[in-house]
Amino acid sequence: MYWFKEDMMKRYEMIDLGLLHHFLDMGVIQTDSSIFMHQKKYASTLLNKFGLTNCNSVLTPLTAKEKLSKEDGSGAADQELYRRIVESLLYLTTTTPNIMFAASLLARFMHCLTNKHLGTTKRVLRYVKGTIDYGLEYVKGKQIVLVGYYDSEWSGSVDDMRSTSDMILVLEVECFHGL
């Protein structure tokens, strides 16, 4: 890698700033054996932006029995606020994949949201507060293994009885954990 950097510096006007510390609003912590990526600053900014800096955290992003519906009778909510929160949560999944299902579920209701949906977005943000130190760690020298995961729920949508299923193929060279 050293030779590549030296060659690039000869060809182009560049300055070596050392190890990477931030990239696209993500924190990067590099050691000799690993790289840890997190979005602690971004998550803190979100909590502040949406007025949840001093909120109590929760242990799960969604409640187990909660089923969201297009029409739940709770009244219409602020569409712009809802979209900003959901879009922010989707970006946060870059380093915190544990909120992916919740963020994807909430994204389904962008066109027909209610106060219950908005309340659920705030619950996910409260979960983010409790897991703010989580991120992805890529460890050098770990054996690379391709693993597939599949998950589904039967008729999870109250509105049309459609099921939700997800499949992910992972190159197991990373580990999800807190700082």
N, C-alpha and C. Protein backbone atom coordinates (compact mmCIF):
# COMPACT_ATOMS: atom_id res chain seq x y z
N MET A 1 0.82 -1.19 0.00
CA MET A 1 0.00 0.00 0.00
C MET A 1 0.87 1.26 0.00
N TYR A 2 2.00 1.18 0.66
CA TYR A 2 2.90 2.32 0.74
C TYR A 2 3.34 2.78 -0.65
N TRP A 3 3.70 1.83 -1.50
CA TRP A 3 4.17 2.18 -2.85
C TRP A 3 3.08 2.86 -3.66
N PHE A 4 1.83 2.43 -3.47
CA PHE A 4 0.71 3.04 -4.19
C PHE A 4 0.57 4.51 -3.80
N LYS A 5 0.62 4.76 -2.50
CA LYS A 5 0.49 6.13 -2.01
C LYS A 5 1.63 7.00 -2.53
N GLU A 6 2.84 6.48 -2.49
CA GLU A 6 4.00 7.23 -2.98
C GLU A 6 3.87 7.54 -4.47
N ASP A 7 3.42 6.57 -5.24
CA ASP A 7 3.24 6.76 -6.68
C ASP A 7 2.17 7.81 -6.96
N MET A 8 1.07 7.76 -6.21
CA MET A 8 0.00 8.74 -6.39
C MET A 8 0.48 10.15 -6.03
N MET A 9 1.30 10.27 -5.00
CA MET A 9 1.80 11.58 -4.59
C MET A 9 2.78 12.16 -5.61
N LYS A 10 3.45 11.30 -6.36
CA LYS A 10 4.35 11.76 -7.42
C LYS A 10 3.56 12.25 -8.63
N ARG A 11 2.47 11.57 -8.92
CA ARG A 11 1.68 11.90 -10.10
C ARG A 11 0.72 13.07 -9.88
N TYR A 12 0.18 13.19 -8.69
CA TYR A 12 -0.84 14.20 -8.40
C TYR A 12 -0.42 15.03 -7.19
N GLU A 13 -0.94 16.23 -7.15
CA GLU A 13 -0.67 17.09 -6.00
C GLU A 13 -1.49 16.57 -4.82
N MET A 14 -0.81 15.99 -3.86
CA MET A 14 -1.49 15.37 -2.72
C MET A 14 -0.69 15.61 -1.45
N ILE A 15 -1.38 15.52 -0.33
CA ILE A 15 -0.75 15.60 0.99
C ILE A 15 -1.21 14.39 1.78
N ASP A 16 -0.28 13.72 2.43
CA ASP A 16 -0.62 12.58 3.29
C ASP A 16 -1.10 13.10 4.63
N LEU A 17 -2.37 12.93 4.92
CA LEU A 17 -2.95 13.40 6.18
C LEU A 17 -2.98 12.32 7.25
N GLY A 18 -2.38 11.19 6.98
CA GLY A 18 -2.35 10.12 7.97
C GLY A 18 -3.58 9.23 7.88
N LEU A 19 -3.87 8.57 8.98
CA LEU A 19 -5.00 7.64 9.01
C LEU A 19 -6.33 8.38 8.88
N LEU A 20 -7.29 7.72 8.26
CA LEU A 20 -8.63 8.25 8.10
C LEU A 20 -9.35 8.27 9.45
N HIS A 21 -10.00 9.39 9.77
CA HIS A 21 -10.74 9.50 11.03
C HIS A 21 -12.24 9.70 10.81
N HIS A 22 -12.60 10.36 9.70
CA HIS A 22 -14.01 10.59 9.38
C HIS A 22 -14.21 10.42 7.88
N PHE A 23 -15.36 9.86 7.51
CA PHE A 23 -15.69 9.67 6.11
C PHE A 23 -17.20 9.66 5.97
N LEU A 24 -17.77 10.62 5.21
CA LEU A 24 -19.21 10.71 4.99
C LEU A 24 -20.00 10.65 6.30
N ASP A 25 -19.61 11.45 7.26
CA ASP A 25 -20.26 11.54 8.57
C ASP A 25 -20.11 10.27 9.41
N MET A 26 -19.18 9.41 9.04
CA MET A 26 -18.90 8.20 9.82
C MET A 26 -17.55 8.36 10.49
N GLY A 27 -17.48 7.93 11.75
CA GLY A 27 -16.21 7.91 12.45
C GLY A 27 -15.47 6.64 12.09
N VAL A 28 -14.17 6.73 11.96
CA VAL A 28 -13.34 5.58 11.61
C VAL A 28 -12.20 5.49 12.62
N ILE A 29 -12.11 4.35 13.29
CA ILE A 29 -11.03 4.11 14.24
C ILE A 29 -10.20 2.95 13.68
N GLN A 30 -8.93 3.24 13.38
CA GLN A 30 -8.05 2.23 12.79
C GLN A 30 -6.98 1.79 13.78
N THR A 31 -6.77 0.50 13.85
CA THR A 31 -5.65 -0.06 14.61
C THR A 31 -4.86 -0.95 13.67
N ASP A 32 -3.83 -1.57 14.16
CA ASP A 32 -3.05 -2.48 13.33
C ASP A 32 -3.84 -3.71 12.92
N SER A 33 -4.84 -4.08 13.72
CA SER A 33 -5.56 -5.33 13.45
C SER A 33 -7.01 -5.14 13.02
N SER A 34 -7.54 -3.90 13.04
CA SER A 34 -8.95 -3.74 12.70
C SER A 34 -9.28 -2.30 12.30
N ILE A 35 -10.46 -2.17 11.72
CA ILE A 35 -11.05 -0.87 11.41
C ILE A 35 -12.45 -0.88 11.99
N PHE A 36 -12.78 0.11 12.81
CA PHE A 36 -14.10 0.22 13.42
C PHE A 36 -14.78 1.45 12.85
N MET A 37 -15.99 1.28 12.29
CA MET A 37 -16.75 2.39 11.71
C MET A 37 -18.01 2.59 12.53
N HIS A 38 -18.31 3.87 12.83
CA HIS A 38 -19.50 4.18 13.62
C HIS A 38 -20.08 5.52 13.16
N GLN A 39 -21.29 5.81 13.63
CA GLN A 39 -21.94 7.08 13.32
C GLN A 39 -22.44 7.74 14.60
N LYS A 40 -21.61 7.72 15.62
CA LYS A 40 -21.98 8.27 16.92
C LYS A 40 -22.33 9.76 16.82
N LYS A 41 -21.51 10.53 16.12
CA LYS A 41 -21.76 11.97 15.98
C LYS A 41 -23.07 12.21 15.22
N TYR A 42 -23.28 11.46 14.15
CA TYR A 42 -24.50 11.60 13.36
C TYR A 42 -25.73 11.25 14.19
N ALA A 43 -25.66 10.16 14.95
CA ALA A 43 -26.78 9.74 15.80
C ALA A 43 -27.07 10.79 16.86
N SER A 44 -26.03 11.36 17.45
CA SER A 44 -26.22 12.42 18.45
C SER A 44 -26.88 13.64 17.83
N THR A 45 -26.47 13.97 16.62
CA THR A 45 -27.07 15.10 15.91
C THR A 45 -28.56 14.84 15.65
N LEU A 46 -28.90 13.60 15.26
CA LEU A 46 -30.30 13.25 15.02
C LEU A 46 -31.13 13.40 16.29
N LEU A 47 -30.62 12.88 17.39
CA LEU A 47 -31.35 12.96 18.65
C LEU A 47 -31.58 14.42 19.04
N ASN A 48 -30.59 15.25 18.84
CA ASN A 48 -30.72 16.68 19.14
C ASN A 48 -31.71 17.35 18.18
N LYS A 49 -31.59 17.05 16.91
CA LYS A 49 -32.43 17.64 15.86
C LYS A 49 -33.91 17.34 16.08
N PHE A 50 -34.21 16.14 16.56
CA PHE A 50 -35.60 15.74 16.75
C PHE A 50 -36.05 15.82 18.21
N GLY A 51 -35.28 16.52 19.04
CA GLY A 51 -35.68 16.81 20.41
C GLY A 51 -35.66 15.62 21.35
N LEU A 52 -34.78 14.66 21.12
CA LEU A 52 -34.75 13.46 21.96
C LEU A 52 -33.40 13.27 22.66
N THR A 53 -32.67 14.35 22.83
CA THR A 53 -31.35 14.26 23.46
C THR A 53 -31.43 13.70 24.88
N ASN A 54 -32.43 14.11 25.63
CA ASN A 54 -32.56 13.68 27.03
C ASN A 54 -33.58 12.57 27.23
N CYS A 55 -33.95 11.88 26.18
CA CYS A 55 -34.96 10.82 26.29
C CYS A 55 -34.37 9.57 26.95
N ASN A 56 -35.25 8.72 27.44
CA ASN A 56 -34.82 7.42 27.96
C ASN A 56 -34.68 6.46 26.79
N SER A 57 -33.65 5.64 26.81
CA SER A 57 -33.46 4.68 25.73
C SER A 57 -34.36 3.46 25.97
N VAL A 58 -34.58 2.70 24.90
CA VAL A 58 -35.35 1.46 24.98
C VAL A 58 -34.46 0.32 24.48
N LEU A 59 -34.83 -0.91 24.85
CA LEU A 59 -33.99 -2.07 24.53
C LEU A 59 -34.20 -2.61 23.12
N THR A 60 -35.36 -2.33 22.51
CA THR A 60 -35.65 -2.84 21.17
C THR A 60 -36.17 -1.71 20.29
N PRO A 61 -35.89 -1.73 18.99
CA PRO A 61 -36.38 -0.67 18.12
C PRO A 61 -37.90 -0.70 17.92
N LEU A 62 -38.49 -1.88 17.96
CA LEU A 62 -39.94 -2.04 17.82
C LEU A 62 -40.44 -2.94 18.94
N THR A 63 -41.72 -2.80 19.26
CA THR A 63 -42.29 -3.73 20.23
C THR A 63 -42.69 -5.01 19.50
N ALA A 64 -42.65 -6.12 20.19
CA ALA A 64 -42.89 -7.43 19.57
C ALA A 64 -44.29 -7.57 18.99
N LYS A 65 -45.29 -7.03 19.65
CA LYS A 65 -46.67 -7.25 19.21
C LYS A 65 -47.22 -6.12 18.35
N GLU A 66 -46.44 -5.08 18.15
CA GLU A 66 -46.93 -3.93 17.40
C GLU A 66 -47.04 -4.24 15.91
N LYS A 67 -48.21 -3.99 15.36
CA LYS A 67 -48.44 -4.13 13.92
C LYS A 67 -48.86 -2.76 13.40
N LEU A 68 -48.12 -2.24 12.46
CA LEU A 68 -48.46 -0.95 11.88
C LEU A 68 -49.42 -1.14 10.73
N SER A 69 -50.33 -0.19 10.58
CA SER A 69 -51.36 -0.26 9.55
C SER A 69 -51.50 1.11 8.88
N LYS A 70 -52.01 1.10 7.65
CA LYS A 70 -52.23 2.37 6.95
C LYS A 70 -53.23 3.25 7.69
N GLU A 71 -54.26 2.63 8.20
CA GLU A 71 -55.30 3.37 8.92
C GLU A 71 -55.47 2.77 10.30
N ASP A 72 -54.92 3.46 11.29
CA ASP A 72 -55.03 2.94 12.65
C ASP A 72 -55.88 3.84 13.55
N GLY A 73 -56.45 4.91 12.97
CA GLY A 73 -57.35 5.77 13.73
C GLY A 73 -56.65 6.78 14.63
N SER A 74 -55.34 6.91 14.52
CA SER A 74 -54.63 7.83 15.42
C SER A 74 -54.46 9.23 14.84
N GLY A 75 -54.98 9.48 13.67
CA GLY A 75 -54.91 10.81 13.08
C GLY A 75 -53.65 11.02 12.25
N ALA A 76 -53.73 12.01 11.35
CA ALA A 76 -52.62 12.30 10.45
C ALA A 76 -51.48 12.96 11.22
N ALA A 77 -50.26 12.71 10.76
CA ALA A 77 -49.07 13.26 11.41
C ALA A 77 -48.33 14.18 10.44
N ASP A 78 -47.33 14.86 10.94
CA ASP A 78 -46.50 15.77 10.16
C ASP A 78 -45.66 14.95 9.17
N GLN A 79 -46.04 15.03 7.89
CA GLN A 79 -45.40 14.23 6.85
C GLN A 79 -43.92 14.59 6.68
N GLU A 80 -43.61 15.87 6.70
CA GLU A 80 -42.22 16.30 6.50
C GLU A 80 -41.32 15.80 7.62
N LEU A 81 -41.77 15.91 8.85
CA LEU A 81 -41.00 15.43 10.00
C LEU A 81 -40.78 13.92 9.90
N TYR A 82 -41.84 13.19 9.57
CA TYR A 82 -41.75 11.73 9.46
C TYR A 82 -40.73 11.33 8.41
N ARG A 83 -40.79 11.96 7.25
CA ARG A 83 -39.85 11.63 6.17
C ARG A 83 -38.41 11.92 6.56
N ARG A 84 -38.19 13.04 7.22
CA ARG A 84 -36.82 13.38 7.64
C ARG A 84 -36.29 12.35 8.63
N ILE A 85 -37.13 11.92 9.56
CA ILE A 85 -36.68 10.92 10.54
C ILE A 85 -36.38 9.59 9.85
N VAL A 86 -37.30 9.12 9.01
CA VAL A 86 -37.12 7.82 8.35
C VAL A 86 -35.90 7.84 7.43
N GLU A 87 -35.73 8.91 6.67
CA GLU A 87 -34.56 9.00 5.79
C GLU A 87 -33.27 9.01 6.60
N SER A 88 -33.28 9.69 7.73
CA SER A 88 -32.10 9.71 8.61
C SER A 88 -31.81 8.32 9.17
N LEU A 89 -32.86 7.60 9.55
CA LEU A 89 -32.68 6.24 10.07
C LEU A 89 -32.12 5.32 8.99
N LEU A 90 -32.60 5.47 7.76
CA LEU A 90 -32.09 4.64 6.66
C LEU A 90 -30.60 4.90 6.43
N TYR A 91 -30.17 6.15 6.53
CA TYR A 91 -28.74 6.44 6.37
C TYR A 91 -27.94 5.86 7.54
N LEU A 92 -28.52 5.89 8.72
CA LEU A 92 -27.85 5.37 9.91
C LEU A 92 -27.62 3.86 9.83
N THR A 93 -28.41 3.16 9.03
CA THR A 93 -28.24 1.70 8.90
C THR A 93 -26.91 1.32 8.25
N THR A 94 -26.21 2.28 7.68
CA THR A 94 -24.90 2.01 7.08
C THR A 94 -23.95 1.36 8.07
N THR A 95 -23.99 1.82 9.32
CA THR A 95 -23.12 1.24 10.35
C THR A 95 -23.90 0.60 11.49
N THR A 96 -25.21 0.71 11.47
CA THR A 96 -26.03 0.08 12.51
C THR A 96 -27.14 -0.75 11.86
N PRO A 97 -26.78 -1.89 11.30
CA PRO A 97 -27.77 -2.71 10.59
C PRO A 97 -28.86 -3.27 11.49
N ASN A 98 -28.71 -3.16 12.80
CA ASN A 98 -29.73 -3.67 13.70
C ASN A 98 -31.02 -2.86 13.65
N ILE A 99 -31.03 -1.70 13.01
CA ILE A 99 -32.28 -0.94 12.86
C ILE A 99 -32.84 -1.04 11.45
N MET A 100 -32.25 -1.86 10.60
CA MET A 100 -32.68 -1.95 9.20
C MET A 100 -34.14 -2.37 9.05
N PHE A 101 -34.56 -3.40 9.78
CA PHE A 101 -35.94 -3.85 9.64
C PHE A 101 -36.90 -2.74 10.05
N ALA A 102 -36.64 -2.10 11.18
CA ALA A 102 -37.53 -1.04 11.66
C ALA A 102 -37.57 0.13 10.67
N ALA A 103 -36.42 0.55 10.17
CA ALA A 103 -36.37 1.66 9.22
C ALA A 103 -37.10 1.31 7.92
N SER A 104 -36.92 0.10 7.44
CA SER A 104 -37.59 -0.34 6.21
C SER A 104 -39.10 -0.42 6.41
N LEU A 105 -39.52 -0.93 7.56
CA LEU A 105 -40.94 -1.01 7.87
C LEU A 105 -41.56 0.39 7.90
N LEU A 106 -40.91 1.32 8.55
CA LEU A 106 -41.43 2.69 8.63
C LEU A 106 -41.45 3.36 7.27
N ALA A 107 -40.52 3.03 6.40
CA ALA A 107 -40.47 3.62 5.06
C ALA A 107 -41.68 3.22 4.22
N ARG A 108 -42.32 2.12 4.55
CA ARG A 108 -43.52 1.68 3.81
C ARG A 108 -44.69 2.66 3.97
N PHE A 109 -44.68 3.45 5.02
CA PHE A 109 -45.83 4.29 5.33
C PHE A 109 -45.58 5.77 5.03
N MET A 110 -44.65 6.06 4.16
CA MET A 110 -44.35 7.45 3.81
C MET A 110 -45.56 8.18 3.23
N HIS A 111 -46.42 7.48 2.55
CA HIS A 111 -47.55 8.10 1.87
C HIS A 111 -48.84 8.09 2.69
N CYS A 112 -48.89 7.37 3.79
CA CYS A 112 -50.14 7.27 4.57
C CYS A 112 -49.84 7.16 6.06
N LEU A 113 -49.05 8.08 6.55
CA LEU A 113 -48.61 7.97 7.93
C LEU A 113 -49.63 8.54 8.92
N THR A 114 -49.53 8.04 10.14
CA THR A 114 -50.39 8.50 11.23
C THR A 114 -49.52 8.86 12.43
N ASN A 115 -50.15 9.36 13.47
CA ASN A 115 -49.42 9.68 14.70
C ASN A 115 -48.76 8.45 15.30
N LYS A 116 -49.38 7.28 15.12
CA LYS A 116 -48.78 6.04 15.63
C LYS A 116 -47.46 5.75 14.92
N HIS A 117 -47.42 5.98 13.60
CA HIS A 117 -46.19 5.78 12.84
C HIS A 117 -45.11 6.75 13.33
N LEU A 118 -45.49 8.01 13.53
CA LEU A 118 -44.53 9.00 14.01
C LEU A 118 -44.00 8.62 15.39
N GLY A 119 -44.88 8.12 16.24
CA GLY A 119 -44.46 7.66 17.56
C GLY A 119 -43.48 6.50 17.47
N THR A 120 -43.69 5.64 16.48
CA THR A 120 -42.80 4.49 16.29
C THR A 120 -41.42 4.95 15.83
N THR A 121 -41.37 6.00 14.98
CA THR A 121 -40.06 6.52 14.57
C THR A 121 -39.30 7.06 15.77
N LYS A 122 -40.03 7.68 16.67
CA LYS A 122 -39.37 8.22 17.87
C LYS A 122 -38.90 7.10 18.79
N ARG A 123 -39.63 5.98 18.80
CA ARG A 123 -39.17 4.83 19.58
C ARG A 123 -37.84 4.31 19.01
N VAL A 124 -37.75 4.24 17.68
CA VAL A 124 -36.51 3.77 17.05
C VAL A 124 -35.36 4.72 17.41
N LEU A 125 -35.63 6.02 17.42
CA LEU A 125 -34.60 6.98 17.82
C LEU A 125 -34.19 6.77 19.28
N ARG A 126 -35.14 6.42 20.13
CA ARG A 126 -34.81 6.14 21.53
C ARG A 126 -33.93 4.89 21.62
N TYR A 127 -34.17 3.92 20.75
CA TYR A 127 -33.31 2.73 20.68
C TYR A 127 -31.90 3.13 20.22
N VAL A 128 -31.84 4.02 19.24
CA VAL A 128 -30.55 4.51 18.74
C VAL A 128 -29.76 5.15 19.88
N LYS A 129 -30.45 5.89 20.75
CA LYS A 129 -29.75 6.51 21.87
C LYS A 129 -29.06 5.46 22.74
N GLY A 130 -29.72 4.34 22.98
CA GLY A 130 -29.14 3.29 23.81
C GLY A 130 -28.05 2.50 23.12
N THR A 131 -27.98 2.58 21.80
CA THR A 131 -26.97 1.81 21.05
C THR A 131 -26.04 2.75 20.28
N ILE A 132 -25.90 3.96 20.77
CA ILE A 132 -25.16 5.00 20.04
C ILE A 132 -23.69 4.64 19.81
N ASP A 133 -23.14 3.78 20.64
CA ASP A 133 -21.74 3.38 20.49
C ASP A 133 -21.55 2.17 19.57
N TYR A 134 -22.62 1.65 18.99
CA TYR A 134 -22.52 0.48 18.12
C TYR A 134 -21.92 0.87 16.77
N GLY A 135 -21.35 -0.10 16.11
CA GLY A 135 -20.78 0.13 14.79
C GLY A 135 -20.34 -1.18 14.18
N LEU A 136 -19.54 -1.09 13.15
CA LEU A 136 -19.03 -2.28 12.46
C LEU A 136 -17.52 -2.34 12.63
N GLU A 137 -17.03 -3.52 12.95
CA GLU A 137 -15.59 -3.72 13.06
C GLU A 137 -15.15 -4.72 12.01
N TYR A 138 -14.16 -4.32 11.23
CA TYR A 138 -13.57 -5.19 10.23
C TYR A 138 -12.20 -5.62 10.78
N VAL A 139 -12.03 -6.91 10.99
CA VAL A 139 -10.81 -7.43 11.61
C VAL A 139 -9.89 -8.02 10.55
N LYS A 140 -8.63 -7.63 10.58
CA LYS A 140 -7.63 -8.13 9.63
C LYS A 140 -7.27 -9.58 9.95
N GLY A 141 -7.10 -10.36 8.93
CA GLY A 141 -6.62 -11.73 9.10
C GLY A 141 -7.69 -12.73 9.48
N LYS A 142 -8.92 -12.28 9.62
CA LYS A 142 -10.00 -13.20 9.96
C LYS A 142 -10.37 -14.00 8.72
N GLN A 143 -10.71 -15.25 8.91
CA GLN A 143 -11.10 -16.09 7.78
C GLN A 143 -12.38 -15.54 7.15
N ILE A 144 -12.40 -15.47 5.83
CA ILE A 144 -13.56 -14.95 5.12
C ILE A 144 -14.50 -16.11 4.80
N VAL A 145 -15.75 -15.98 5.24
CA VAL A 145 -16.75 -17.02 5.04
C VAL A 145 -18.02 -16.37 4.50
N LEU A 146 -18.60 -16.95 3.45
CA LEU A 146 -19.86 -16.47 2.91
C LEU A 146 -20.99 -17.19 3.62
N VAL A 147 -21.88 -16.42 4.27
CA VAL A 147 -22.99 -16.99 5.03
C VAL A 147 -24.28 -16.34 4.57
N GLY A 148 -25.33 -17.14 4.44
CA GLY A 148 -26.64 -16.62 4.07
C GLY A 148 -27.61 -16.70 5.22
N TYR A 149 -28.42 -15.65 5.38
CA TYR A 149 -29.45 -15.62 6.41
C TYR A 149 -30.79 -15.33 5.73
N TYR A 150 -31.83 -15.98 6.20
CA TYR A 150 -33.16 -15.76 5.65
C TYR A 150 -34.14 -15.64 6.82
N ASP A 151 -35.01 -14.67 6.75
CA ASP A 151 -35.99 -14.48 7.81
C ASP A 151 -37.31 -14.09 7.16
N SER A 152 -38.39 -14.52 7.74
CA SER A 152 -39.70 -14.15 7.21
C SER A 152 -40.73 -14.16 8.33
N GLU A 153 -41.81 -13.46 8.07
CA GLU A 153 -42.95 -13.49 8.99
C GLU A 153 -44.20 -13.73 8.15
N TRP A 154 -45.10 -14.48 8.68
CA TRP A 154 -46.31 -14.84 7.97
C TRP A 154 -47.34 -13.73 8.12
N SER A 155 -47.84 -13.21 7.02
CA SER A 155 -48.87 -12.16 6.96
C SER A 155 -48.61 -11.04 7.96
N GLY A 156 -47.43 -10.45 7.88
CA GLY A 156 -47.05 -9.40 8.80
C GLY A 156 -47.76 -8.08 8.58
N SER A 157 -48.25 -7.83 7.37
CA SER A 157 -48.94 -6.58 7.09
C SER A 157 -50.42 -6.71 7.42
N VAL A 158 -50.89 -5.86 8.30
CA VAL A 158 -52.29 -5.87 8.70
C VAL A 158 -53.18 -5.45 7.54
N ASP A 159 -52.69 -4.59 6.67
CA ASP A 159 -53.49 -4.03 5.58
C ASP A 159 -53.77 -5.02 4.45
N ASP A 160 -52.77 -5.77 4.02
CA ASP A 160 -52.97 -6.66 2.87
C ASP A 160 -52.54 -8.11 3.14
N MET A 161 -52.18 -8.42 4.38
CA MET A 161 -51.80 -9.77 4.80
C MET A 161 -50.58 -10.31 4.05
N ARG A 162 -49.78 -9.43 3.50
CA ARG A 162 -48.56 -9.86 2.83
C ARG A 162 -47.49 -10.16 3.87
N SER A 163 -46.65 -11.08 3.52
CA SER A 163 -45.55 -11.46 4.41
C SER A 163 -44.33 -10.60 4.12
N THR A 164 -43.49 -10.50 5.09
CA THR A 164 -42.21 -9.83 4.92
C THR A 164 -41.13 -10.89 4.98
N SER A 165 -40.26 -10.87 4.00
CA SER A 165 -39.13 -11.81 4.05
C SER A 165 -37.88 -11.07 3.63
N ASP A 166 -36.80 -11.46 4.22
CA ASP A 166 -35.51 -10.84 3.94
C ASP A 166 -34.46 -11.91 3.78
N MET A 167 -33.54 -11.66 2.88
CA MET A 167 -32.40 -12.55 2.74
C MET A 167 -31.16 -11.68 2.64
N ILE A 168 -30.12 -12.12 3.28
CA ILE A 168 -28.87 -11.38 3.20
C ILE A 168 -27.72 -12.37 3.10
N LEU A 169 -26.81 -12.07 2.21
CA LEU A 169 -25.57 -12.84 2.10
C LEU A 169 -24.47 -11.97 2.68
N VAL A 170 -23.72 -12.52 3.58
CA VAL A 170 -22.71 -11.76 4.29
C VAL A 170 -21.35 -12.42 4.13
N LEU A 171 -20.37 -11.62 3.75
CA LEU A 171 -18.99 -12.08 3.83
C LEU A 171 -18.59 -11.83 5.27
N GLU A 172 -18.44 -12.88 6.02
CA GLU A 172 -18.18 -12.72 7.45
C GLU A 172 -16.74 -12.33 7.70
N VAL A 173 -16.49 -11.04 7.52
CA VAL A 173 -15.21 -10.47 7.89
C VAL A 173 -15.43 -9.31 8.84
N GLU A 174 -16.68 -9.08 9.21
CA GLU A 174 -16.99 -7.96 10.07
C GLU A 174 -17.80 -8.41 11.27
N CYS A 175 -17.79 -7.60 12.28
CA CYS A 175 -18.48 -7.91 13.51
C CYS A 175 -19.21 -6.66 13.96
N PHE A 176 -20.44 -6.79 14.37
CA PHE A 176 -21.25 -5.67 14.82
C PHE A 176 -21.18 -5.60 16.33
N HIS A 177 -20.70 -4.50 16.87
CA HIS A 177 -20.62 -4.37 18.32
C HIS A 177 -20.44 -2.92 18.72
N GLY A 178 -20.40 -2.67 20.00
CA GLY A 178 -20.22 -1.32 20.53
C GLY A 178 -18.76 -1.01 20.79
N LEU A 179 -18.49 0.28 21.00
CA LEU A 179 -17.12 0.74 21.26
C LEU A 179 -16.57 0.16 22.53
